Amino acid sequence: MNNNSKIYIAGHKGLVGSALWKTLQNKGYANLVGRSINELNLMDAVAVDRFFEEEKPEYVILAAAKVGGIVANNTYRGQFIYENLMIQNNVIHSAYVHGVKKLLFLGSTCIYPKEAPQPMPENCLLTSPLEYTNEPYAIAKIAGIKMCESYNLQYGTNFISVMPTNLYGPNDNFDLEKSHVLPALVRKNHLGKCLQNNDWTALRADLNKNPIEGINGSRSEDEILKILDKYGIRLMSDHSTHSRVSIEIWGTGKPMREFLWSEEMAAACVYVMENVDFKDTYDSTGKEVRNTHINIGTGKEISIKDLAETIKAKVGFEGDLVFNADKPDGTMRKLTDPSKIHELGWHHQIDIEEGIEKMYQWYKK
C-alpha cells in the first residue's frame, strides 16, 4: 500500500473500524473510504457490488459485523449467523470480482473450541465442539476464514484473516443489553458511582447520551432506578449523601479473559496489510493449506473478578460487586497464542491496567 492507495474500511464507525481509520490517517494514508449502514447495507449483494464497481477500492479491511456479549449472542442466534454470513460473503466476493489487491478479514477468537488447549494456537480450529452460547457467530466467522482461504487457493487472491482477542477502547458499545463484558463493567461502575454519590446530574447526562431501553435522563428517579435495577445496578439505601450501591455481574467471576486495546489491534492490522501476504501465513511444504488465519492478542489473561475489581478501582466506585453464579460463565479460558504474529514481527504494548484507565478517561469525555 502507498499513501494514495484507495482503502475501504467496512464498519469504519465501529470499535475496530474507527481505530483503523485513525491509525491509517496517522500513518499518512489519505484515500480512505467508509460508508455508514444507512449509506450502504452490506447484506444487500447488489448494493455492495455496485459500491465496488463505482469506488474501485484497491484494499479492503472487513471490520463490519454484528457483535455482542454473551446475552446478545445467545438471544439473537439467528440474526448473528445470518447477518454475519451475508456481510462477509458479499464483501469478500465483491473484492474478488473487482480485483482488490488485498483484503483483511477480521474474525474473533470465539472460533476456537470450547475445550481448546490454552493458550489457543491457530491449528486447534475445528478440532472439537464450540461454546454453545456463541456458536452461530463463531460458525459465521469460521466460514469467513474458509472463504478467504478458498478464494486464495482457487482464484489467487490475497485475502488474509486475523482473529483478535477481546477488544476494548474508544467508540466501544456501552449498551448494557448488547455490550461486551469490559465496556459493560466500565459503564455499570460509572453509573454505580453516580448513584453512590447521589450525583443525579451526571447520571442523567449518561442516560441522555446513551438511553437504556428508551429510558433517558428526563425520566423520573423511580423509572431510572427501575431500569438500573434490571441491569444489576441497585441502590440499597437512600438515607445518606453516599448511598450503598451494588453491581450484579453474571457468573462466578472465575473465567479468565484476554483483552487488547482496540488501537493496538488497528496497529496490528495495518502492520499485516503492509508486511504480510497470504503465502506468509502457512507452511508451504505441507500437502494441505489450513489454519492460515493469524491470532492477534497479548498472550496475557485476567479473571472476570479481577477485571471487575480493577475497573471498580479505576472508576472510583465504592459499592459492592455481586457475582450471580446462577448465570452462565461462558468458556472458562480464552487465551490466544500470539506466537504467529510475533514471528511475523508485531507485539502489543498496552497492558490491561493502562488500557482501563485510558478507556474510562475516554468514556467520561
Protein backbone atom coordinates (compact mmCIF):
# COMPACT_ATOMS: atom_id res chain seq x y z
CA MET A 1 0.00 0.00 0.00
CA ASN A 2 1.08 3.60 -0.51
CA ASN A 3 -0.37 6.82 0.90
CA ASN A 4 -2.61 7.33 -2.14
CA SER A 5 -3.99 3.78 -2.25
CA LYS A 6 -7.77 3.69 -2.01
CA ILE A 7 -8.62 1.73 1.15
CA TYR A 8 -12.19 0.75 2.00
CA ILE A 9 -12.89 0.11 5.70
CA ALA A 10 -16.15 -1.75 6.12
CA GLY A 11 -17.51 -0.87 9.56
CA HIS A 12 -15.46 2.31 9.86
CA LYS A 13 -17.57 3.76 12.67
CA GLY A 14 -17.34 0.75 14.99
CA LEU A 15 -14.84 -0.04 17.72
CA VAL A 16 -12.21 -1.57 15.43
CA GLY A 17 -13.12 0.31 12.26
CA SER A 18 -12.80 3.74 13.86
CA ALA A 19 -9.44 2.76 15.37
CA LEU A 20 -8.29 1.53 11.95
CA TRP A 21 -9.37 4.79 10.30
CA LYS A 22 -7.48 6.84 12.87
CA THR A 23 -4.38 4.64 12.64
CA LEU A 24 -4.27 4.77 8.84
CA GLN A 25 -4.75 8.55 8.83
CA ASN A 26 -1.95 8.98 11.37
CA LYS A 27 0.33 6.95 9.10
CA GLY A 28 -0.41 9.24 6.15
CA TYR A 29 -2.97 7.20 4.23
CA ALA A 30 -5.19 9.89 2.71
CA ASN A 31 -7.57 7.99 0.42
CA LEU A 32 -9.85 6.23 2.88
CA VAL A 33 -13.41 5.20 2.04
CA GLY A 34 -16.19 4.41 4.50
CA ARG A 35 -19.95 4.02 4.34
CA SER A 36 -22.39 4.02 7.23
CA ILE A 37 -25.10 1.36 7.39
CA ASN A 38 -27.58 3.98 6.16
CA GLU A 39 -25.41 4.63 3.10
CA LEU A 40 -24.59 1.01 2.27
CA ASN A 41 -26.36 -2.10 3.53
CA LEU A 42 -23.67 -4.78 3.40
CA MET A 43 -26.32 -7.51 3.48
CA ASP A 44 -27.53 -6.30 0.07
CA ALA A 45 -25.38 -8.09 -2.52
CA VAL A 46 -26.46 -5.84 -5.39
CA ALA A 47 -25.69 -2.68 -3.43
CA VAL A 48 -22.29 -3.99 -2.36
CA ASP A 49 -21.36 -4.95 -5.93
CA ARG A 50 -22.44 -1.51 -7.16
CA PHE A 51 -20.32 0.15 -4.47
CA PHE A 52 -17.22 -1.80 -5.52
CA GLU A 53 -17.88 -1.02 -9.19
CA GLU A 54 -18.18 2.70 -8.51
CA GLU A 55 -15.48 3.19 -5.86
CA LYS A 56 -12.94 0.61 -7.07
CA PRO A 57 -11.08 0.21 -3.76
CA GLU A 58 -7.59 -1.27 -4.05
CA TYR A 59 -7.51 -2.59 -0.48
CA VAL A 60 -10.32 -3.67 1.84
CA ILE A 61 -10.47 -4.14 5.61
CA LEU A 62 -13.61 -6.01 6.62
CA ALA A 63 -14.33 -4.89 10.18
CA ALA A 64 -18.13 -4.78 9.84
CA ALA A 65 -20.05 -7.40 11.79
CA LYS A 66 -22.97 -7.93 14.10
CA VAL A 67 -21.34 -8.35 17.51
CA GLY A 68 -22.37 -8.56 21.15
CA GLY A 69 -21.73 -10.15 24.51
CA ILE A 70 -22.89 -13.49 25.87
CA VAL A 71 -26.50 -12.34 26.32
CA ALA A 72 -26.85 -10.96 22.81
CA ASN A 73 -25.08 -13.93 21.22
CA ASN A 74 -27.35 -16.42 22.95
CA THR A 75 -30.55 -14.40 22.40
CA TYR A 76 -30.20 -13.33 18.77
CA ARG A 77 -28.73 -16.56 17.41
CA GLY A 78 -30.47 -16.40 14.03
CA GLN A 79 -29.53 -12.78 13.44
CA PHE A 80 -25.91 -13.37 14.40
CA ILE A 81 -25.33 -16.19 11.92
CA TYR A 82 -27.41 -14.75 9.08
CA GLU A 83 -26.22 -11.14 9.20
CA ASN A 84 -22.55 -12.01 9.59
CA LEU A 85 -22.62 -14.55 6.77
CA MET A 86 -24.36 -12.10 4.47
CA ILE A 87 -21.99 -9.22 5.25
CA GLN A 88 -18.79 -11.17 4.76
CA ASN A 89 -19.97 -13.17 1.74
CA ASN A 90 -20.95 -10.00 -0.11
CA VAL A 91 -17.79 -8.05 0.70
CA ILE A 92 -15.32 -10.89 0.13
CA HIS A 93 -16.92 -11.96 -3.15
CA SER A 94 -17.13 -8.39 -4.49
CA ALA A 95 -13.48 -7.85 -3.54
CA TYR A 96 -12.60 -10.86 -5.70
CA VAL A 97 -14.84 -9.85 -8.61
CA HIS A 98 -13.47 -6.31 -8.70
CA GLY A 99 -9.78 -7.20 -8.37
CA VAL A 100 -8.99 -5.93 -4.87
CA LYS A 101 -5.24 -6.32 -4.24
CA LYS A 102 -5.52 -7.36 -0.60
CA LEU A 103 -8.37 -7.91 1.85
CA LEU A 104 -8.15 -8.26 5.62
CA PHE A 105 -11.00 -10.19 7.26
CA LEU A 106 -11.48 -9.67 10.99
CA GLY A 107 -12.86 -12.58 12.97
CA SER A 108 -12.79 -13.46 16.65
CA THR A 109 -11.10 -15.96 18.94
CA CYS A 110 -14.54 -17.39 19.73
CA ILE A 111 -13.94 -19.51 16.60
CA TYR A 112 -11.94 -21.91 18.77
CA PRO A 113 -13.42 -24.98 20.50
CA LYS A 114 -14.87 -24.71 24.00
CA GLU A 115 -12.22 -27.12 25.26
CA ALA A 116 -9.37 -25.71 23.19
CA PRO A 117 -5.83 -26.01 24.58
CA GLN A 118 -4.67 -22.91 26.43
CA PRO A 119 -3.22 -20.75 25.05
CA MET A 120 -5.09 -21.37 21.78
CA PRO A 121 -2.91 -21.85 18.68
CA GLU A 122 -4.32 -21.36 15.20
CA ASN A 123 -4.15 -25.09 14.47
CA CYS A 124 -6.75 -26.02 17.10
CA LEU A 125 -9.52 -24.66 14.84
CA LEU A 126 -12.30 -27.21 14.16
CA THR A 127 -10.82 -29.87 16.45
CA SER A 128 -13.81 -30.15 18.85
CA PRO A 129 -17.24 -28.54 19.63
CA LEU A 130 -17.69 -24.79 20.04
CA GLU A 131 -19.02 -22.90 23.06
CA TYR A 132 -22.81 -23.14 22.73
CA THR A 133 -23.72 -19.55 23.61
CA ASN A 134 -21.80 -18.01 20.69
CA GLU A 135 -21.83 -20.95 18.25
CA PRO A 136 -23.79 -19.15 15.46
CA TYR A 137 -21.41 -16.18 15.46
CA ALA A 138 -18.36 -18.45 15.60
CA ILE A 139 -19.57 -20.57 12.69
CA ALA A 140 -20.08 -17.44 10.59
CA LYS A 141 -16.53 -16.29 11.33
CA ILE A 142 -15.09 -19.74 10.56
CA ALA A 143 -16.93 -19.59 7.23
CA GLY A 144 -15.23 -16.24 6.55
CA ILE A 145 -11.78 -17.73 7.20
CA LYS A 146 -12.50 -20.65 4.91
CA MET A 147 -13.92 -18.35 2.22
CA CYS A 148 -10.74 -16.27 2.22
CA GLU A 149 -8.57 -19.41 2.13
CA SER A 150 -10.64 -20.96 -0.64
CA TYR A 151 -10.65 -17.85 -2.84
CA ASN A 152 -6.89 -17.53 -2.40
CA LEU A 153 -6.34 -21.13 -3.44
CA GLN A 154 -8.75 -21.12 -6.38
CA TYR A 155 -8.52 -17.55 -7.66
CA GLY A 156 -5.08 -16.39 -6.50
CA THR A 157 -6.42 -13.59 -4.31
CA ASN A 158 -4.52 -12.18 -1.33
CA PHE A 159 -7.15 -12.33 1.41
CA ILE A 160 -5.88 -12.62 4.99
CA SER A 161 -7.86 -13.42 8.16
CA VAL A 162 -6.93 -12.12 11.60
CA MET A 163 -8.53 -13.25 14.85
CA PRO A 164 -8.40 -10.59 17.55
CA THR A 165 -8.88 -11.45 21.18
CA ASN A 166 -11.45 -9.49 23.23
CA LEU A 167 -11.14 -5.83 22.22
CA TYR A 168 -11.96 -2.64 24.09
CA GLY A 169 -11.32 1.04 23.53
CA PRO A 170 -12.70 4.31 22.11
CA ASN A 171 -16.12 4.06 20.44
CA ASP A 172 -16.90 0.79 22.18
CA ASN A 173 -20.51 -0.32 22.62
CA PHE A 174 -21.80 0.64 26.07
CA ASP A 175 -25.38 -0.56 25.54
CA LEU A 176 -25.94 -2.66 28.66
CA GLU A 177 -28.13 -5.15 26.78
CA LYS A 178 -25.67 -5.85 23.99
CA SER A 179 -22.19 -4.78 25.08
CA HIS A 180 -19.21 -6.97 25.86
CA VAL A 181 -18.09 -7.50 29.43
CA LEU A 182 -15.40 -4.81 29.76
CA PRO A 183 -17.36 -1.79 28.45
CA ALA A 184 -20.44 -3.03 30.32
CA LEU A 185 -18.45 -3.12 33.56
CA VAL A 186 -17.00 0.34 32.93
CA ARG A 187 -20.46 1.81 32.46
CA LYS A 188 -22.02 -0.13 35.35
CA ASN A 189 -19.28 1.06 37.70
CA HIS A 190 -19.68 4.63 36.46
CA LEU A 191 -23.46 4.57 36.97
CA GLY A 192 -22.95 2.91 40.36
CA LYS A 193 -20.54 5.68 41.33
CA CYS A 194 -23.10 8.31 40.28
CA LEU A 195 -25.75 6.63 42.45
CA GLN A 196 -23.39 6.19 45.38
CA ASN A 197 -22.56 9.92 45.28
CA ASN A 198 -26.20 10.87 44.73
CA ASP A 199 -24.97 12.64 41.58
CA TRP A 200 -28.17 12.68 39.55
CA THR A 201 -26.83 15.33 37.18
CA ALA A 202 -24.05 13.02 35.98
CA LEU A 203 -26.38 10.02 35.96
CA ARG A 204 -28.99 11.80 33.84
CA ALA A 205 -26.28 13.08 31.49
CA ASP A 206 -25.11 9.49 30.95
CA LEU A 207 -28.63 8.26 30.18
CA ASN A 208 -29.25 11.19 27.82
CA LYS A 209 -26.12 10.21 25.91
CA ASN A 210 -26.98 6.50 25.85
CA PRO A 211 -30.54 5.62 26.98
CA ILE A 212 -31.24 2.16 28.38
CA GLU A 213 -34.28 0.60 26.69
CA GLY A 214 -35.51 4.09 25.85
CA ILE A 215 -35.11 5.37 29.41
CA ASN A 216 -33.16 8.63 29.26
CA GLY A 217 -32.20 11.28 31.78
CA SER A 218 -35.56 13.08 31.56
CA ARG A 219 -37.41 10.23 33.29
CA SER A 220 -38.35 10.19 36.96
CA GLU A 221 -35.95 8.88 39.59
CA ASP A 222 -38.17 5.85 40.14
CA GLU A 223 -38.14 4.97 36.42
CA ILE A 224 -34.37 5.35 36.26
CA LEU A 225 -33.81 3.27 39.38
CA LYS A 226 -36.09 0.57 37.99
CA ILE A 227 -34.19 0.23 34.71
CA LEU A 228 -30.82 0.33 36.50
CA ASP A 229 -32.04 -2.41 38.85
CA LYS A 230 -32.99 -4.54 35.83
CA TYR A 231 -29.36 -4.39 34.70
CA GLY A 232 -27.97 -5.15 38.13
CA ILE A 233 -27.17 -1.62 39.38
CA ARG A 234 -29.03 -1.46 42.68
CA LEU A 235 -29.47 1.30 45.22
CA MET A 236 -29.59 -0.33 48.64
CA SER A 237 -30.18 2.77 50.75
CA ASP A 238 -31.03 6.43 50.15
CA HIS A 239 -30.77 7.74 53.71
CA SER A 240 -27.42 9.48 53.32
CA THR A 241 -25.41 11.58 50.92
CA HIS A 242 -23.38 8.48 49.95
CA SER A 243 -25.84 5.65 49.35
CA ARG A 244 -24.81 2.00 49.28
CA VAL A 245 -24.92 0.56 45.79
CA SER A 246 -24.32 -2.93 44.45
CA ILE A 247 -23.50 -4.11 40.94
CA GLU A 248 -24.51 -7.59 39.80
CA ILE A 249 -22.17 -9.42 37.43
CA TRP A 250 -23.16 -12.57 35.57
CA GLY A 251 -21.36 -15.78 36.53
CA THR A 252 -18.87 -16.71 39.21
CA GLY A 253 -16.11 -14.29 38.20
CA LYS A 254 -13.74 -17.21 37.69
CA PRO A 255 -13.48 -17.26 33.88
CA MET A 256 -10.20 -15.92 32.53
CA ARG A 257 -10.19 -13.48 29.64
CA GLU A 258 -7.61 -11.72 27.50
CA PHE A 259 -8.11 -8.11 26.39
CA LEU A 260 -6.43 -6.00 23.72
CA TRP A 261 -6.68 -2.22 23.34
CA SER A 262 -8.53 -1.57 20.06
CA GLU A 263 -5.98 0.92 18.74
CA GLU A 264 -3.29 -1.74 19.15
CA MET A 265 -5.47 -4.15 17.18
CA ALA A 266 -5.66 -1.47 14.49
CA ALA A 267 -1.88 -1.13 14.52
CA ALA A 268 -1.53 -4.90 14.12
CA CYS A 269 -3.98 -4.90 11.20
CA VAL A 270 -2.13 -2.11 9.41
CA TYR A 271 1.14 -3.96 10.05
CA VAL A 272 -0.32 -7.09 8.41
CA MET A 273 -1.66 -5.09 5.46
CA GLU A 274 1.75 -3.53 4.90
CA ASN A 275 4.01 -6.51 5.57
CA VAL A 276 2.20 -9.87 5.32
CA ASP A 277 0.83 -11.77 2.32
CA PHE A 278 -1.23 -14.96 2.22
CA LYS A 279 1.86 -17.02 1.34
CA ASP A 280 3.40 -15.97 4.68
CA THR A 281 0.54 -17.42 6.74
CA TYR A 282 1.12 -21.16 6.29
CA ASP A 283 3.78 -23.83 5.76
CA SER A 284 4.05 -24.19 2.01
CA THR A 285 5.77 -27.59 2.33
CA GLY A 286 2.61 -29.31 3.60
CA LYS A 287 0.08 -31.13 1.44
CA GLU A 288 -2.88 -29.13 2.77
CA VAL A 289 -3.39 -25.42 3.35
CA ARG A 290 -5.21 -24.91 6.64
CA ASN A 291 -5.28 -22.52 9.59
CA THR A 292 -3.91 -19.60 7.64
CA HIS A 293 -5.57 -17.10 10.00
CA ILE A 294 -3.49 -15.10 12.47
CA ASN A 295 -4.24 -14.63 16.17
CA ILE A 296 -3.84 -11.09 17.43
CA GLY A 297 -3.63 -10.84 21.21
CA THR A 298 -1.47 -10.19 24.24
CA GLY A 299 -0.97 -13.76 25.48
CA LYS A 300 -1.96 -12.48 28.96
CA GLU A 301 -5.20 -13.14 30.86
CA ILE A 302 -7.17 -11.83 33.83
CA SER A 303 -10.16 -13.28 35.70
CA ILE A 304 -13.51 -11.55 35.33
CA LYS A 305 -13.44 -10.96 39.11
CA ASP A 306 -10.04 -9.25 38.97
CA LEU A 307 -11.13 -7.31 35.89
CA ALA A 308 -14.21 -6.05 37.74
CA GLU A 309 -12.14 -5.10 40.80
CA THR A 310 -9.61 -3.25 38.61
CA ILE A 311 -12.36 -1.31 36.84
CA LYS A 312 -14.04 -0.55 40.17
CA ALA A 313 -10.79 0.95 41.49
CA LYS A 314 -10.08 2.97 38.33
CA VAL A 315 -13.63 4.37 38.25
CA GLY A 316 -13.77 5.09 41.97
CA PHE A 317 -16.89 3.05 42.71
CA GLU A 318 -17.04 2.10 46.40
CA GLY A 319 -20.06 -0.21 46.44
CA ASP A 320 -20.34 -3.98 46.23
CA LEU A 321 -19.66 -6.29 43.31
CA VAL A 322 -22.07 -9.24 43.45
CA PHE A 323 -21.41 -12.28 41.26
CA ASN A 324 -24.55 -14.20 40.27
CA ALA A 325 -23.43 -17.82 39.98
CA ASP A 326 -26.88 -18.80 38.63
CA LYS A 327 -25.99 -17.05 35.38
CA PRO A 328 -23.69 -18.66 32.79
CA ASP A 329 -19.93 -18.14 32.84
CA GLY A 330 -19.31 -18.99 29.23
CA THR A 331 -15.95 -20.51 28.33
CA MET A 332 -13.66 -20.68 31.37
CA ARG A 333 -10.49 -19.69 29.48
CA LYS A 334 -9.92 -18.00 26.12
CA LEU A 335 -6.24 -17.15 25.85
CA THR A 336 -4.68 -16.73 22.44
CA ASP A 337 -1.29 -17.99 21.42
CA PRO A 338 0.19 -14.93 19.62
CA SER A 339 3.36 -16.74 18.52
CA LYS A 340 2.48 -16.45 14.83
CA ILE A 341 2.00 -12.66 14.83
CA HIS A 342 5.16 -12.35 16.96
CA GLU A 343 7.10 -14.34 14.36
CA LEU A 344 5.69 -12.02 11.68
CA GLY A 345 7.09 -9.05 13.60
CA TRP A 346 4.33 -7.46 15.73
CA HIS A 347 3.92 -7.26 19.56
CA HIS A 348 1.41 -5.43 21.79
CA GLN A 349 2.45 -2.59 24.13
CA ILE A 350 -0.56 -1.58 26.29
CA ASP A 351 -1.47 -3.85 29.22
CA ILE A 352 -4.90 -4.06 30.85
CA GLU A 353 -4.40 -1.64 33.76
CA GLU A 354 -3.24 1.16 31.47
CA GLY A 355 -5.97 0.32 28.98
CA ILE A 356 -8.78 0.50 31.55
CA GLU A 357 -7.52 3.92 32.69
CA LYS A 358 -7.49 5.15 29.07
CA MET A 359 -10.93 3.63 28.48
CA TYR A 360 -12.55 5.36 31.44
CA GLN A 361 -10.99 8.72 30.64
CA TRP A 362 -12.36 8.42 27.10
CA TYR A 363 -15.78 7.38 28.40
CA LYS A 364 -16.02 10.38 30.75
CA LYS A 365 -15.17 12.77 27.91
